[in-house]
Amino acid sequence: MIKNKIKIFMAVIASIICMGAGMIIGTQSNAAVKNNPNSNVKGWNISAPERTRAPGSAFTYNVYPSTDKKSAWIYHIDVDPNMDYSTLNIPQTINGMTVTRLGWVYVPSKNDDFLDTDEFNQTIFGAIVEQCHGASGSYIPLGDNLRNRTYISMSVSSITIPNTVTQLQESTFSGIVNLREITIPDGVSVIPAELFYGCSSLESVKLPKALNSIDPSAFTDCHKLQNMELSNECQTFKIMNKSIVNKNDMSLVYCYASGDKYNIPKGIKTLKTFSFTNCTAKNIHIPASVKKIEQKAFHRSNGYSSRNISNMTVSKKNKVYAKDGQTIYNKKNKTLTVAIVTGKPDETKYVMSNKVKKLTICQSTINMDEWEEGIENLYVSKNLKKVGFRGFGVVFNAHNVYYTSKKVPKLLKTNKTWSPLPIFTHIYVPKEANAEYKKLYKKHHCLGNVDKWNTY
């Protein structure tokens, strides 16, 4: 019963979490484009699209010409299922115009009410992409009848992007499950969200020299990715031991390590939000140089935790972070940084270290599939004194919550959208503090959403 309620609640807020994740990593949602539909299309004649198909080709290119008719933006590619479409060589020029931009962007149309097309991304082939529910766009839709479409499997296995391209849209090549390698043209400076999401066979990527921004969700679920190349001429990033690192501030923005153990490179100062979304190394070691671990650094880019990483250690020389039991905590402000869950599904357990005195939004959970499981038993630090906004965030969906302190924590900031305390669960409190805990829950309108209240 508790698990079902939690899953229902998680489903309700799934879209909120995804939108929040997008805001954290700096991507622009299509909803924003709907409010200002010209924000991404200035300089392009979207009212006069063109179509072209080379003789013998399986692909028809749908193009927006630039207003000066010098550049072409391929926003959609139609596929002829009766021809071989395994190899896609995107042309450098179309109708005398240089191809500089690839991918879909929301433009208001008569189909909005039916498909809610402003709420999701699409691949360059027109497939819907929505990471929160695992839709990577791995099937190509055929035809213009949106209410009665047929689909074919994604059989494209080779893609050549012309070196004239300088801009790629979100989700452009998502779901191309047979793609093994890709070279991104050197003129591309931004690798956007979900660019190759769900490309499960992708093994090798050559990154562009001009790269100055990469969204960590760009390669989500590319678990075979083992090789990334980046020229030393790139001014912003470099590759260090299976990680993309910002040269300027030594922050780790994306890790693609696998295997049993991964040592974060020495010299790394910051672990960015979602930077380990695609890391499958079971054991992570944090070096002495790390001074900041951002919110959900070890979560998937859809916001949820996973079982990809099972354990973590910290250098004893690290001046900011330490490990105590199942907890990585900040030694300076005594906040929870990483919760290390133990146990199999349905037997999961997290004992929060008594070193923790404060909960903030800046935390991660590892060794738990947050969408499927939840923590079976959560034991709160007996020294917890303060809870900030969404402080119970990553350990929120526990089935049984045990408060071990006889003094209730102080809630520093609340928000009507988010419950400040664990709900839809069984609550256990010390008998001596029962009245105070009930008072706290009642004050913040949470008491009625507790499945069962217990004392011990």
Protein backbone atom coordinates (compact mmCIF):
# COMPACT_ATOMS: atom_id res chain seq x y z
CA MET A 1 0.00 0.00 0.00
CA ILE A 2 2.75 2.44 0.99
CA LYS A 3 4.80 1.67 -2.10
CA ASN A 4 1.80 2.16 -4.37
CA LYS A 5 1.05 5.54 -2.83
CA ILE A 6 4.65 6.57 -3.18
CA LYS A 7 4.74 5.53 -6.83
CA ILE A 8 1.54 7.46 -7.52
CA PHE A 9 2.98 10.50 -5.81
CA MET A 10 6.26 10.16 -7.72
CA ALA A 11 4.36 9.91 -11.00
CA VAL A 12 2.46 13.10 -10.22
CA ILE A 13 5.65 15.07 -9.62
CA ALA A 14 7.70 13.37 -12.36
CA SER A 15 7.19 16.15 -14.84
CA ILE A 16 8.02 18.74 -12.17
CA ILE A 17 11.30 16.97 -11.41
CA CYS A 18 12.21 16.79 -15.08
CA MET A 19 11.52 20.47 -15.56
CA GLY A 20 13.52 21.24 -12.48
CA ALA A 21 16.42 19.19 -13.78
CA GLY A 22 16.34 21.11 -17.04
CA MET A 23 16.51 24.39 -15.13
CA ILE A 24 19.45 23.18 -13.09
CA ILE A 25 21.59 22.25 -16.07
CA GLY A 26 20.75 25.32 -18.07
CA THR A 27 18.64 23.94 -20.90
CA GLN A 28 15.76 25.80 -22.48
CA SER A 29 12.42 24.04 -22.37
CA ASN A 30 10.09 23.98 -25.36
CA ALA A 31 7.44 25.52 -23.13
CA ALA A 32 9.61 28.62 -23.07
CA VAL A 33 9.67 28.57 -26.85
CA LYS A 34 5.87 28.35 -26.89
CA ASN A 35 5.65 31.53 -24.85
CA ASN A 36 8.01 33.17 -27.30
CA PRO A 37 7.92 31.01 -30.47
CA ASN A 38 10.40 33.23 -32.28
CA SER A 39 13.10 32.97 -29.59
CA ASN A 40 14.90 30.10 -31.36
CA VAL A 41 13.98 30.91 -34.96
CA LYS A 42 15.09 34.50 -35.45
CA GLY A 43 16.80 34.84 -38.82
CA TRP A 44 14.99 31.81 -40.27
CA ASN A 45 12.01 31.79 -42.61
CA ILE A 46 9.86 29.20 -40.81
CA SER A 47 6.78 30.17 -42.82
CA ALA A 48 8.33 28.92 -46.08
CA PRO A 49 9.87 25.48 -45.44
CA GLU A 50 11.38 23.56 -48.34
CA ARG A 51 11.62 19.83 -49.08
CA THR A 52 14.27 18.06 -51.08
CA ARG A 53 15.24 14.45 -51.83
CA ALA A 54 18.25 13.33 -53.81
CA PRO A 55 17.67 10.63 -56.45
CA GLY A 56 18.13 7.17 -54.96
CA SER A 57 18.11 8.45 -51.39
CA ALA A 58 15.90 7.09 -48.62
CA PHE A 59 15.82 10.50 -46.96
CA THR A 60 13.76 13.61 -47.63
CA TYR A 61 15.08 16.76 -45.97
CA ASN A 62 12.69 19.34 -44.60
CA VAL A 63 14.45 22.68 -44.41
CA TYR A 64 13.95 26.18 -43.07
CA PRO A 65 15.92 28.64 -45.23
CA SER A 66 17.61 31.57 -43.55
CA THR A 67 16.11 34.95 -44.34
CA ASP A 68 19.10 35.76 -46.55
CA LYS A 69 18.79 32.37 -48.34
CA LYS A 70 22.42 31.55 -47.58
CA SER A 71 21.94 28.94 -44.85
CA ALA A 72 19.72 25.88 -44.41
CA TRP A 73 18.34 24.41 -41.20
CA ILE A 74 17.29 20.75 -41.50
CA TYR A 75 14.54 20.48 -38.91
CA HIS A 76 13.06 17.12 -39.96
CA ILE A 77 14.05 14.11 -42.05
CA ASP A 78 11.45 11.80 -43.59
CA VAL A 79 12.42 8.17 -44.21
CA ASP A 80 11.33 5.91 -47.06
CA PRO A 81 10.94 2.48 -45.38
CA ASN A 82 11.15 0.72 -48.75
CA MET A 83 14.78 1.74 -49.20
CA ASP A 84 18.02 1.13 -47.28
CA TYR A 85 18.20 3.83 -44.62
CA SER A 86 21.07 2.44 -42.53
CA THR A 87 23.52 5.16 -43.61
CA LEU A 88 22.72 8.85 -43.29
CA ASN A 89 25.15 11.25 -44.95
CA ILE A 90 23.71 14.69 -44.30
CA PRO A 91 24.51 17.01 -47.24
CA GLN A 92 26.60 20.17 -46.86
CA THR A 93 24.33 22.15 -49.13
CA ILE A 94 20.63 22.02 -50.00
CA ASN A 95 19.10 24.05 -52.80
CA GLY A 96 22.25 26.17 -52.94
CA MET A 97 22.18 26.92 -49.20
CA THR A 98 24.83 25.82 -46.67
CA VAL A 99 23.52 23.44 -43.99
CA THR A 100 24.41 25.00 -40.62
CA ARG A 101 21.72 23.78 -38.21
CA LEU A 102 20.11 20.41 -37.43
CA GLY A 103 17.14 19.35 -35.31
CA TRP A 104 13.59 20.07 -34.25
CA VAL A 105 12.34 23.06 -32.32
CA TYR A 106 8.79 23.79 -31.28
CA VAL A 107 6.83 25.93 -33.73
CA PRO A 108 3.10 26.50 -33.05
CA SER A 109 0.86 24.36 -35.26
CA LYS A 110 -2.67 22.99 -35.59
CA ASN A 111 -1.56 19.72 -33.93
CA ASP A 112 -0.70 21.33 -30.58
CA ASP A 113 -3.93 20.43 -28.79
CA PHE A 114 -3.68 16.79 -29.85
CA LEU A 115 -0.04 16.05 -29.17
CA ASP A 116 0.96 18.74 -26.63
CA THR A 117 4.00 19.14 -28.86
CA ASP A 118 5.26 22.04 -26.80
CA GLU A 119 5.87 19.75 -23.80
CA PHE A 120 8.25 17.25 -25.40
CA ASN A 121 11.31 17.21 -27.61
CA GLN A 122 11.47 15.37 -30.92
CA THR A 123 14.29 13.70 -32.83
CA ILE A 124 15.20 14.85 -36.29
CA PHE A 125 13.05 11.94 -37.52
CA GLY A 126 9.97 13.20 -35.63
CA ALA A 127 9.91 10.69 -32.75
CA ILE A 128 8.80 11.96 -29.34
CA VAL A 129 11.52 12.13 -26.65
CA GLU A 130 10.58 12.29 -22.96
CA GLN A 131 13.28 11.05 -20.62
CA CYS A 132 11.20 10.90 -17.44
CA HIS A 133 9.25 7.99 -18.90
CA GLY A 134 12.03 6.38 -20.91
CA ALA A 135 10.92 7.58 -24.36
CA SER A 136 14.17 7.95 -26.30
CA GLY A 137 12.65 8.13 -29.79
CA SER A 138 13.90 4.75 -31.00
CA TYR A 139 11.06 4.27 -33.50
CA ILE A 140 10.62 6.42 -36.59
CA PRO A 141 7.04 7.68 -37.20
CA LEU A 142 5.76 7.55 -40.78
CA GLY A 143 3.23 9.81 -42.45
CA ASP A 144 1.50 13.06 -41.55
CA ASN A 145 -1.61 11.58 -39.95
CA LEU A 146 -0.77 12.18 -36.29
CA ARG A 147 -3.77 10.25 -35.01
CA ASN A 148 -3.04 7.10 -36.98
CA ARG A 149 0.71 6.89 -37.43
CA THR A 150 2.72 3.77 -38.19
CA TYR A 151 6.28 3.30 -36.99
CA ILE A 152 9.42 1.55 -38.18
CA SER A 153 12.44 0.47 -36.16
CA MET A 154 15.42 2.79 -35.99
CA SER A 155 17.88 1.07 -38.36
CA VAL A 156 20.23 3.99 -38.95
CA SER A 157 23.71 2.81 -37.94
CA SER A 158 25.98 5.43 -39.50
CA ILE A 159 25.65 9.23 -39.53
CA THR A 160 27.93 11.81 -41.10
CA ILE A 161 27.33 15.39 -40.00
CA PRO A 162 28.79 17.94 -42.44
CA ASN A 163 31.51 20.22 -41.06
CA THR A 164 29.38 23.24 -42.01
CA VAL A 165 27.02 22.55 -39.09
CA THR A 166 27.47 24.86 -36.09
CA GLN A 167 24.21 24.29 -34.16
CA LEU A 168 22.46 21.13 -32.97
CA GLN A 169 19.05 21.09 -31.27
CA GLU A 170 18.10 19.06 -28.19
CA SER A 171 17.32 15.35 -28.82
CA THR A 172 18.32 15.54 -32.51
CA PHE A 173 19.88 12.06 -32.65
CA SER A 174 18.24 10.50 -29.61
CA GLY A 175 17.22 6.84 -29.79
CA ILE A 176 19.48 5.77 -32.68
CA VAL A 177 20.21 2.43 -31.06
CA ASN A 178 22.55 1.03 -33.74
CA LEU A 179 24.86 4.06 -33.95
CA ARG A 180 28.38 3.10 -32.84
CA GLU A 181 30.44 6.23 -33.45
CA ILE A 182 29.93 9.89 -34.27
CA THR A 183 32.06 12.92 -35.09
CA ILE A 184 30.60 16.26 -34.04
CA PRO A 185 31.81 19.09 -36.34
CA ASP A 186 34.47 21.37 -34.88
CA GLY A 187 32.29 24.47 -35.28
CA VAL A 188 29.67 23.23 -32.80
CA SER A 189 30.11 25.02 -29.47
CA VAL A 190 27.12 23.63 -27.52
CA ILE A 191 26.18 19.98 -27.01
CA PRO A 192 22.54 20.25 -25.89
CA ALA A 193 20.30 18.08 -23.73
CA GLU A 194 19.52 14.51 -24.83
CA LEU A 195 21.45 14.91 -28.09
CA PHE A 196 22.34 11.19 -28.16
CA TYR A 197 20.07 9.98 -25.34
CA GLY A 198 19.32 6.26 -25.65
CA CYS A 199 21.98 5.56 -28.30
CA SER A 200 22.72 2.29 -26.53
CA SER A 201 25.40 1.05 -28.98
CA LEU A 202 27.40 4.27 -29.08
CA GLU A 203 31.04 3.53 -28.25
CA SER A 204 33.08 6.46 -29.54
CA VAL A 205 32.52 10.22 -29.84
CA LYS A 206 34.80 12.88 -31.31
CA LEU A 207 33.99 16.18 -29.64
CA PRO A 208 34.31 19.57 -31.37
CA LYS A 209 37.22 21.97 -30.87
CA ALA A 210 34.83 24.88 -30.28
CA LEU A 211 33.04 23.11 -27.41
CA ASN A 212 32.23 25.48 -24.55
CA SER A 213 29.05 23.92 -23.12
CA ILE A 214 27.82 20.36 -22.67
CA ASP A 215 24.60 19.20 -21.08
CA PRO A 216 25.17 16.05 -18.95
CA SER A 217 22.00 14.47 -20.34
CA ALA A 218 23.41 14.54 -23.89
CA PHE A 219 24.69 10.95 -23.61
CA THR A 220 22.27 9.48 -21.07
CA ASP A 221 21.90 5.69 -21.40
CA CYS A 222 24.89 5.44 -23.74
CA HIS A 223 26.33 2.73 -21.49
CA LYS A 224 28.76 1.36 -24.10
CA LEU A 225 30.46 4.73 -24.49
CA GLN A 226 34.13 4.13 -23.73
CA ASN A 227 36.02 6.61 -25.87
CA MET A 228 35.76 10.38 -26.18
CA GLU A 229 38.26 12.42 -28.17
CA LEU A 230 38.82 16.14 -27.73
CA SER A 231 41.53 18.26 -29.32
CA ASN A 232 44.00 20.07 -27.07
CA GLU A 233 42.98 23.16 -29.03
CA CYS A 234 39.66 23.24 -27.16
CA GLN A 235 39.81 26.28 -24.89
CA THR A 236 37.19 25.18 -22.35
CA PHE A 237 37.37 21.42 -21.77
CA LYS A 238 39.76 18.52 -21.62
CA ILE A 239 39.48 14.76 -21.12
CA MET A 240 40.85 13.35 -17.87
CA ASN A 241 40.50 9.65 -17.11
CA LYS A 242 37.04 9.07 -18.64
CA SER A 243 35.74 12.48 -17.62
CA ILE A 244 35.12 15.79 -19.34
CA VAL A 245 36.68 18.51 -17.21
CA ASN A 246 36.40 22.28 -17.41
CA LYS A 247 39.94 23.64 -17.74
CA ASN A 248 39.06 26.97 -16.17
CA ASP A 249 37.68 25.85 -12.80
CA MET A 250 38.61 22.15 -12.79
CA SER A 251 35.00 21.06 -12.46
CA LEU A 252 33.99 17.60 -13.62
CA VAL A 253 30.95 17.99 -15.89
CA TYR A 254 30.53 14.49 -17.34
CA CYS A 255 31.92 11.07 -16.40
CA TYR A 256 31.58 7.98 -18.59
CA ALA A 257 33.61 5.51 -16.50
CA SER A 258 32.62 1.87 -16.04
CA GLY A 259 34.02 -1.19 -14.28
CA ASP A 260 34.49 -1.99 -10.61
CA LYS A 261 36.24 1.16 -9.39
CA TYR A 262 36.74 4.72 -10.55
CA ASN A 263 39.12 7.21 -9.00
CA ILE A 264 38.00 10.75 -9.68
CA PRO A 265 41.09 12.49 -11.10
CA LYS A 266 43.24 14.38 -8.63
CA GLY A 267 42.92 18.12 -9.07
CA ILE A 268 39.14 18.07 -9.63
CA LYS A 269 37.55 20.74 -7.44
CA THR A 270 33.83 20.49 -8.23
CA LEU A 271 31.46 17.65 -9.17
CA LYS A 272 28.68 19.24 -11.21
CA THR A 273 24.97 18.38 -11.10
CA PHE A 274 24.22 15.11 -12.98
CA SER A 275 27.90 14.73 -13.89
CA PHE A 276 27.75 10.99 -13.11
CA THR A 277 24.46 10.33 -14.92
CA ASN A 278 26.12 7.83 -17.28
CA CYS A 279 28.81 6.46 -14.95
CA THR A 280 28.43 2.73 -14.23
CA ALA A 281 31.56 2.24 -12.12
CA LYS A 282 30.44 0.50 -8.94
CA ASN A 283 32.83 2.17 -6.52
CA ILE A 284 33.78 5.85 -6.64
CA HIS A 285 36.71 7.44 -4.81
CA ILE A 286 36.62 11.17 -4.09
CA PRO A 287 40.12 12.73 -3.91
CA ALA A 288 41.36 15.38 -1.49
CA SER A 289 41.06 18.11 -4.12
CA VAL A 290 37.23 18.03 -4.30
CA LYS A 291 35.79 21.06 -2.51
CA LYS A 292 32.22 21.10 -3.80
CA ILE A 293 29.69 18.41 -4.72
CA GLU A 294 26.63 19.90 -6.35
CA GLN A 295 23.02 18.81 -5.94
CA LYS A 296 22.30 15.36 -7.45
CA ALA A 297 25.80 15.01 -8.85
CA PHE A 298 25.40 11.22 -8.78
CA HIS A 299 21.81 11.03 -10.07
CA ARG A 300 20.55 10.29 -13.54
CA SER A 301 19.82 13.38 -15.60
CA ASN A 302 16.06 12.80 -15.19
CA GLY A 303 16.54 13.62 -11.51
CA TYR A 304 16.25 10.11 -10.07
CA SER A 305 18.88 8.03 -8.33
CA SER A 306 19.95 4.62 -9.64
CA ARG A 307 21.91 1.52 -8.71
CA ASN A 308 24.74 2.28 -11.15
CA ILE A 309 27.02 3.31 -8.28
CA SER A 310 26.94 1.14 -5.16
CA ASN A 311 29.59 2.58 -2.85
CA MET A 312 31.85 5.55 -2.33
CA THR A 313 34.99 6.48 -0.42
CA VAL A 314 36.65 9.80 0.40
CA SER A 315 40.33 10.62 0.78
CA LYS A 316 41.26 11.12 4.43
CA LYS A 317 43.14 14.23 3.29
CA ASN A 318 39.98 15.89 1.99
CA LYS A 319 39.34 19.00 4.10
CA VAL A 320 35.67 19.42 3.16
CA TYR A 321 34.11 15.94 2.92
CA ALA A 322 34.33 12.73 4.94
CA LYS A 323 32.60 9.38 5.12
CA ASP A 324 30.91 8.02 8.23
CA GLY A 325 29.06 4.74 7.81
CA GLN A 326 26.58 5.12 4.96
CA THR A 327 27.01 8.87 4.73
CA ILE A 328 29.25 11.31 2.90
CA TYR A 329 28.91 14.59 4.77
CA ASN A 330 30.31 18.10 4.71
CA LYS A 331 32.69 18.47 7.64
CA LYS A 332 32.36 22.24 7.77
CA ASN A 333 28.58 22.70 7.89
CA LYS A 334 27.62 19.13 8.92
CA THR A 335 25.24 18.64 5.98
CA LEU A 336 24.31 15.38 4.28
CA THR A 337 26.01 15.16 0.86
CA VAL A 338 25.59 11.53 -0.28
CA ALA A 339 23.30 8.86 1.17
CA ILE A 340 24.66 5.36 0.47
CA VAL A 341 21.73 2.93 0.57
CA THR A 342 22.35 -0.73 1.36
CA GLY A 343 20.35 -3.88 0.72
CA LYS A 344 18.44 -5.50 -2.12
CA PRO A 345 15.16 -4.07 -3.44
CA ASP A 346 12.46 -4.33 -0.74
CA GLU A 347 15.23 -4.65 1.87
CA THR A 348 16.89 -1.26 1.44
CA LYS A 349 18.16 0.65 4.44
CA TYR A 350 19.79 3.99 5.10
CA VAL A 351 21.20 4.99 8.45
CA MET A 352 22.03 8.68 8.43
CA SER A 353 25.26 9.46 10.23
CA ASN A 354 24.96 11.28 13.54
CA LYS A 355 27.56 13.65 12.15
CA VAL A 356 24.74 15.19 10.10
CA LYS A 357 23.15 18.21 11.77
CA LYS A 358 21.51 19.83 8.75
CA LEU A 359 19.68 18.73 5.60
CA THR A 360 19.76 20.86 2.46
CA ILE A 361 18.75 20.36 -1.16
CA CYS A 362 22.40 19.78 -2.07
CA GLN A 363 22.58 15.99 -1.74
CA SER A 364 22.58 12.72 -3.70
CA THR A 365 21.49 9.11 -3.14
CA ILE A 366 23.32 6.11 -4.58
CA ASN A 367 22.66 2.36 -4.80
CA MET A 368 18.90 2.77 -5.10
CA ASP A 369 16.56 2.99 -8.07
CA GLU A 370 14.44 5.86 -6.82
CA TRP A 371 11.64 5.37 -9.34
CA GLU A 372 11.22 1.65 -8.70
CA GLU A 373 12.14 1.21 -5.04
CA GLY A 374 12.35 3.86 -2.38
CA ILE A 375 14.16 3.28 0.91
CA GLU A 376 12.54 0.60 3.05
CA ASN A 377 13.91 1.89 6.36
CA LEU A 378 15.37 5.35 6.97
CA TYR A 379 16.97 6.27 10.29
CA VAL A 380 17.38 10.01 10.76
CA SER A 381 20.44 11.41 12.51
CA LYS A 382 19.90 11.89 16.24
CA ASN A 383 21.75 15.20 15.95
CA LEU A 384 19.63 16.63 13.14
CA LYS A 385 18.82 20.22 14.11
CA LYS A 386 17.88 22.02 10.89
CA VAL A 387 16.08 21.13 7.64
CA GLY A 388 16.33 23.49 4.67
CA PHE A 389 14.08 23.71 1.60
CA ARG A 390 13.57 20.16 0.24
CA GLY A 391 16.07 18.93 2.80
CA PHE A 392 14.44 15.50 2.85
CA GLY A 393 14.52 15.53 -0.95
CA VAL A 394 16.55 12.50 -1.99
CA VAL A 395 15.54 10.39 1.03
CA PHE A 396 11.95 11.54 0.79
CA ASN A 397 10.28 8.38 -0.48
CA ALA A 398 11.17 6.09 2.42
CA HIS A 399 8.60 3.49 3.49
CA ASN A 400 9.48 3.66 7.21
CA VAL A 401 11.06 6.74 8.76
CA TYR A 402 12.61 6.56 12.22
CA TYR A 403 13.30 9.83 14.00
CA THR A 404 15.94 9.07 16.63
CA SER A 405 16.23 12.44 18.36
CA LYS A 406 14.00 13.55 21.21
CA LYS A 407 14.24 17.10 19.88
CA VAL A 408 12.39 17.99 16.69
CA PRO A 409 14.41 19.69 13.94
CA LYS A 410 13.78 23.27 12.92
CA LEU A 411 12.44 23.82 9.38
CA LEU A 412 14.32 26.76 7.91
CA LYS A 413 12.26 27.30 4.78
CA THR A 414 9.08 25.78 3.41
CA ASN A 415 7.26 25.86 0.11
CA LYS A 416 3.60 25.06 -0.62
CA THR A 417 4.59 22.93 -3.62
CA TRP A 418 6.82 20.53 -1.68
CA SER A 419 6.19 18.77 1.59
CA PRO A 420 8.99 19.73 4.00
CA LEU A 421 8.71 16.38 5.83
CA PRO A 422 8.44 12.71 4.79
CA ILE A 423 4.80 11.73 4.06
CA PHE A 424 2.89 8.74 2.58
CA THR A 425 4.89 6.57 4.93
CA HIS A 426 5.06 5.05 8.42
CA ILE A 427 6.55 7.46 10.95
CA TYR A 428 8.32 6.30 14.13
CA VAL A 429 9.19 8.76 16.91
CA PRO A 430 10.45 8.43 20.51
CA LYS A 431 7.57 8.25 22.99
CA GLU A 432 8.94 11.19 24.96
CA ALA A 433 8.85 13.43 21.88
CA ASN A 434 5.59 12.18 20.36
CA ALA A 435 3.62 15.36 21.04
CA GLU A 436 6.35 17.62 19.65
CA TYR A 437 6.72 15.64 16.41
CA LYS A 438 2.95 15.58 15.87
CA LYS A 439 2.88 19.32 16.46
CA LEU A 440 5.59 19.79 13.83
CA TYR A 441 3.75 17.66 11.26
CA LYS A 442 0.44 19.36 11.97
CA LYS A 443 1.93 22.83 11.70
CA HIS A 444 3.18 22.10 8.20
CA HIS A 445 -0.02 20.31 7.05
CA CYS A 446 1.70 16.91 6.80
CA LEU A 447 0.06 14.91 9.58
CA GLY A 448 -2.96 13.90 7.49
CA ASN A 449 -0.69 12.42 4.81
CA VAL A 450 1.12 10.01 7.14
CA ASP A 451 0.03 6.41 6.57
CA LYS A 452 0.66 5.33 10.16
CA TRP A 453 2.05 7.09 13.21
CA ASN A 454 4.08 4.99 15.65
CA THR A 455 6.04 5.51 18.85
CA TYR A 456 8.86 3.46 20.35
